[in-house]
Amino acid sequence: METYLYFRKFRPATLVSTQGSATQALNAFSVASIGGAVDGAGYKVASATEIASMTVTPADAANSNIGSNYSHPGAGVALTIATSAIKTVADSVITFDNVTEDTANGYNFETGDIITVTMQQGLETSVMYPASSLIGIEATATGQTTLRFKSLKNDGTDDIITIDHDATKYENIVEGINAIINGNNNGGVVTVVDGSGGAPVINKALQGLGIDGCGIVLEGSY
């Protein structure tokens, strides 16, 4: 049985954003929680499909600028707001519709409001490749190793997985990938790096190498 290699980006279980002003844009994810530059290619959150749910905990007891589908819960009480009113997700910044943009599900955030975003599996959050699709491995930085795979859509452009790790550990990463692919007990699906929920799962062949990020860049026709 062929070995299949599973990779998942680093994602926090939740993002909590306290609005410092009456703005619809939430605070960006931290580098530590996202495993790489928050707006870096292959790391950033760029799709609302990664968002399972959102709540807002109002800072005060009243807010007239909320959608008709909501009833204000009062200060300090969480209210679930519709993910359908997410306006944009760009460079790991989530922007929500105000009530003018969406009269039913929009919500005008106020200073001190606390927005909690719960993450889920979403577009390009994770991928899996047969080991036979691995084309090559290279050191692309002192603390970064890049794996190139045949495109999932076979259009001639490589898919790229980047693994961030401690400096000078490139050789160990290569040895670990070799052990994963050629190990006697590794037939079927094998998790290489799974950074979900703020509690990453790293294959035992790669443990102790300081892996703290996983980027996924798929060929352009996705």
Protein backbone atom coordinates (compact mmCIF):
# COMPACT_ATOMS: atom_id res chain seq x y z
CA MET A 1 0.00 0.00 0.00
CA GLU A 2 1.35 3.41 -0.94
CA THR A 3 2.00 6.00 1.73
CA TYR A 4 -0.08 9.19 1.59
CA LEU A 5 1.37 12.31 3.20
CA TYR A 6 -1.00 14.62 5.10
CA PHE A 7 -0.20 18.29 5.82
CA ARG A 8 -2.35 20.89 7.58
CA LYS A 9 -1.61 24.55 8.17
CA PHE A 10 -1.14 25.97 11.64
CA ARG A 11 -4.41 27.49 12.84
CA PRO A 12 -5.59 28.59 16.29
CA ALA A 13 -8.75 26.98 17.65
CA THR A 14 -10.17 30.48 18.11
CA LEU A 15 -9.24 34.08 17.40
CA VAL A 16 -10.34 36.71 19.93
CA SER A 17 -10.38 40.30 18.71
CA THR A 18 -11.15 43.20 21.03
CA GLN A 19 -12.09 46.20 18.95
CA GLY A 20 -9.95 49.20 19.84
CA SER A 21 -12.27 51.42 17.79
CA ALA A 22 -15.55 51.20 15.93
CA THR A 23 -14.08 49.35 12.98
CA GLN A 24 -15.41 46.34 11.08
CA ALA A 25 -11.95 44.82 10.57
CA LEU A 26 -10.84 42.35 13.22
CA ASN A 27 -7.31 42.14 14.54
CA ALA A 28 -5.04 39.98 12.40
CA PHE A 29 -3.93 36.54 13.51
CA SER A 30 -0.64 36.46 15.39
CA VAL A 31 2.42 34.94 13.76
CA ALA A 32 2.71 32.47 16.62
CA SER A 33 -0.83 31.16 16.14
CA ILE A 34 -0.75 30.94 12.37
CA GLY A 35 2.72 29.43 11.93
CA GLY A 36 4.36 31.96 9.64
CA ALA A 37 3.81 35.49 8.42
CA VAL A 38 0.09 36.23 8.78
CA ASP A 39 -0.07 37.54 5.23
CA GLY A 40 2.60 35.27 3.77
CA ALA A 41 1.74 33.18 0.76
CA GLY A 42 0.77 29.70 1.85
CA TYR A 43 0.16 30.72 5.47
CA LYS A 44 -2.49 33.44 5.43
CA VAL A 45 -6.18 33.00 6.05
CA ALA A 46 -7.78 34.08 2.80
CA SER A 47 -11.16 32.36 2.76
CA ALA A 48 -14.30 32.52 4.91
CA THR A 49 -14.54 28.74 4.50
CA GLU A 50 -12.05 28.45 7.38
CA ILE A 51 -14.45 30.16 9.79
CA ALA A 52 -16.92 27.91 11.60
CA SER A 53 -18.68 30.51 13.74
CA MET A 54 -18.45 34.02 15.19
CA THR A 55 -19.77 35.66 18.33
CA VAL A 56 -19.73 39.24 19.54
CA THR A 57 -19.77 40.15 23.22
CA PRO A 58 -20.96 43.76 23.38
CA ALA A 59 -19.13 46.27 25.53
CA ASP A 60 -22.31 48.16 26.42
CA ALA A 61 -25.97 47.46 27.00
CA ALA A 62 -27.32 48.81 23.73
CA ASN A 63 -26.43 49.08 20.08
CA SER A 64 -29.09 50.15 17.58
CA ASN A 65 -26.87 49.42 14.59
CA ILE A 66 -27.37 45.68 14.39
CA GLY A 67 -29.13 43.49 11.82
CA SER A 68 -32.82 42.70 12.02
CA ASN A 69 -32.03 39.02 12.67
CA TYR A 70 -30.44 39.85 16.01
CA SER A 71 -31.63 40.92 19.43
CA HIS A 72 -29.05 42.79 21.47
CA PRO A 73 -28.05 40.49 24.37
CA GLY A 74 -26.81 43.21 26.70
CA ALA A 75 -23.33 44.08 27.87
CA GLY A 76 -21.00 41.14 28.42
CA VAL A 77 -23.30 38.52 26.88
CA ALA A 78 -22.19 36.71 23.74
CA LEU A 79 -24.33 36.87 20.60
CA THR A 80 -23.81 34.56 17.63
CA ILE A 81 -23.51 36.51 14.40
CA ALA A 82 -23.94 35.11 10.90
CA THR A 83 -20.81 34.11 9.00
CA SER A 84 -22.72 34.97 5.83
CA ALA A 85 -22.09 38.63 6.72
CA ILE A 86 -18.33 38.24 6.52
CA LYS A 87 -17.42 40.87 3.96
CA THR A 88 -13.83 39.91 3.18
CA VAL A 89 -11.03 37.72 4.42
CA ALA A 90 -7.74 39.09 3.14
CA ASP A 91 -4.18 38.72 4.43
CA SER A 92 -5.55 37.06 7.59
CA VAL A 93 -7.80 40.02 8.42
CA ILE A 94 -11.55 39.35 8.70
CA THR A 95 -13.90 42.22 7.90
CA PHE A 96 -17.60 42.00 8.80
CA ASP A 97 -20.52 43.77 7.09
CA ASN A 98 -22.00 46.73 8.92
CA VAL A 99 -25.77 47.08 9.16
CA THR A 100 -25.94 49.31 6.09
CA GLU A 101 -24.20 46.68 3.97
CA ASP A 102 -26.36 43.84 5.32
CA THR A 103 -29.54 44.98 7.06
CA ALA A 104 -30.40 41.47 8.24
CA ASN A 105 -27.07 40.00 9.38
CA GLY A 106 -24.71 42.97 9.55
CA TYR A 107 -23.45 44.26 12.88
CA ASN A 108 -21.73 47.55 13.64
CA PHE A 109 -18.90 46.80 16.08
CA GLU A 110 -18.23 49.32 18.83
CA THR A 111 -15.12 50.12 20.83
CA GLY A 112 -14.52 47.37 23.37
CA ASP A 113 -16.67 44.75 21.65
CA ILE A 114 -15.08 41.29 21.83
CA ILE A 115 -15.39 39.14 18.70
CA THR A 116 -14.57 35.44 18.96
CA VAL A 117 -13.92 33.50 15.76
CA THR A 118 -13.90 29.70 15.83
CA MET A 119 -11.88 28.07 13.06
CA GLN A 120 -12.56 24.94 11.04
CA GLN A 121 -11.23 23.00 8.10
CA GLY A 122 -11.56 25.17 5.00
CA LEU A 123 -10.33 25.96 1.52
CA GLU A 124 -6.67 24.97 1.16
CA THR A 125 -6.26 24.40 4.91
CA SER A 126 -4.87 20.94 4.35
CA VAL A 127 -3.73 18.62 1.58
CA MET A 128 -2.68 15.02 1.10
CA TYR A 129 -0.36 13.57 -1.55
CA PRO A 130 0.75 10.07 -2.47
CA ALA A 131 4.44 9.76 -1.65
CA SER A 132 5.11 8.98 -5.31
CA SER A 133 4.09 12.58 -6.14
CA LEU A 134 7.05 14.02 -4.23
CA ILE A 135 9.37 15.61 -6.78
CA GLY A 136 12.05 17.04 -4.53
CA ILE A 137 13.07 18.70 -1.28
CA GLU A 138 15.18 21.83 -0.91
CA ALA A 139 16.36 24.23 1.78
CA THR A 140 14.74 27.57 0.96
CA ALA A 141 15.94 29.37 4.11
CA THR A 142 18.06 28.60 7.16
CA GLY A 143 14.96 27.45 9.02
CA GLN A 144 12.69 26.44 6.16
CA THR A 145 12.43 23.33 4.01
CA THR A 146 10.33 23.18 0.85
CA LEU A 147 8.74 20.04 -0.54
CA ARG A 148 7.57 20.04 -4.15
CA PHE A 149 4.82 17.73 -5.32
CA LYS A 150 3.23 17.00 -8.66
CA SER A 151 0.15 19.19 -8.96
CA LEU A 152 -3.05 17.73 -7.60
CA LYS A 153 -4.68 18.87 -10.84
CA ASN A 154 -1.82 17.70 -13.07
CA ASP A 155 -1.40 20.99 -14.90
CA GLY A 156 2.40 20.89 -14.91
CA THR A 157 2.91 23.35 -12.06
CA ASP A 158 4.32 22.06 -8.78
CA ASP A 159 2.41 22.25 -5.51
CA ILE A 160 4.62 23.56 -2.72
CA ILE A 161 4.65 22.67 0.98
CA THR A 162 6.92 24.69 3.27
CA ILE A 163 7.90 23.49 6.72
CA ASP A 164 9.33 26.04 9.15
CA HIS A 165 11.73 24.66 11.74
CA ASP A 166 14.80 25.40 13.85
CA ALA A 167 17.83 26.69 12.00
CA THR A 168 20.27 24.14 10.55
CA LYS A 169 17.73 21.28 10.75
CA TYR A 170 17.26 20.85 6.99
CA GLU A 171 19.16 17.56 6.86
CA ASN A 172 17.10 16.21 9.76
CA ILE A 173 13.88 17.19 7.99
CA VAL A 174 14.98 15.33 4.85
CA GLU A 175 15.94 12.28 6.89
CA GLY A 176 12.58 12.41 8.64
CA ILE A 177 10.62 12.60 5.39
CA ASN A 178 12.63 9.67 4.06
CA ALA A 179 11.80 7.67 7.20
CA ILE A 180 8.11 8.51 6.88
CA ILE A 181 7.93 7.41 3.25
CA ASN A 182 10.08 4.31 3.53
CA GLY A 183 9.19 3.13 7.03
CA ASN A 184 7.80 -0.38 7.25
CA ASN A 185 4.76 0.71 9.25
CA ASN A 186 3.77 3.77 7.26
CA GLY A 187 1.42 2.42 4.59
CA GLY A 188 -1.80 4.37 4.11
CA VAL A 189 -2.35 7.92 5.36
CA VAL A 190 0.44 9.35 7.52
CA THR A 191 0.28 12.74 9.24
CA VAL A 192 3.45 14.71 8.56
CA VAL A 193 2.48 18.08 10.07
CA ASP A 194 -0.96 18.93 11.45
CA GLY A 195 -1.06 22.43 12.96
CA SER A 196 -4.77 22.59 13.75
CA GLY A 197 -6.35 23.91 16.92
CA GLY A 198 -3.24 25.39 18.46
CA ALA A 199 -1.98 21.91 19.39
CA PRO A 200 0.15 20.76 16.45
CA VAL A 201 0.68 17.07 15.75
CA ILE A 202 4.13 16.35 14.32
CA ASN A 203 5.15 12.96 12.99
CA LYS A 204 7.56 11.25 15.38
CA ALA A 205 10.21 11.18 12.65
CA LEU A 206 10.20 15.00 12.68
CA GLN A 207 9.81 15.72 16.38
CA GLY A 208 12.42 17.77 18.21
CA LEU A 209 13.21 19.90 15.15
CA GLY A 210 11.28 22.98 16.24
CA ILE A 211 8.58 22.77 13.56
CA ASP A 212 6.34 25.79 14.05
CA GLY A 213 4.82 26.48 10.64
CA CYS A 214 3.43 24.81 7.55
CA GLY A 215 2.61 26.67 4.35
CA ILE A 216 0.64 25.36 1.39
CA VAL A 217 0.83 26.93 -2.07
CA LEU A 218 -1.17 25.10 -4.72
CA GLU A 219 -0.77 25.58 -8.44
CA GLY A 220 -2.50 28.60 -9.89
CA SER A 221 -5.66 27.14 -11.41
CA TYR A 222 -7.34 26.47 -8.04
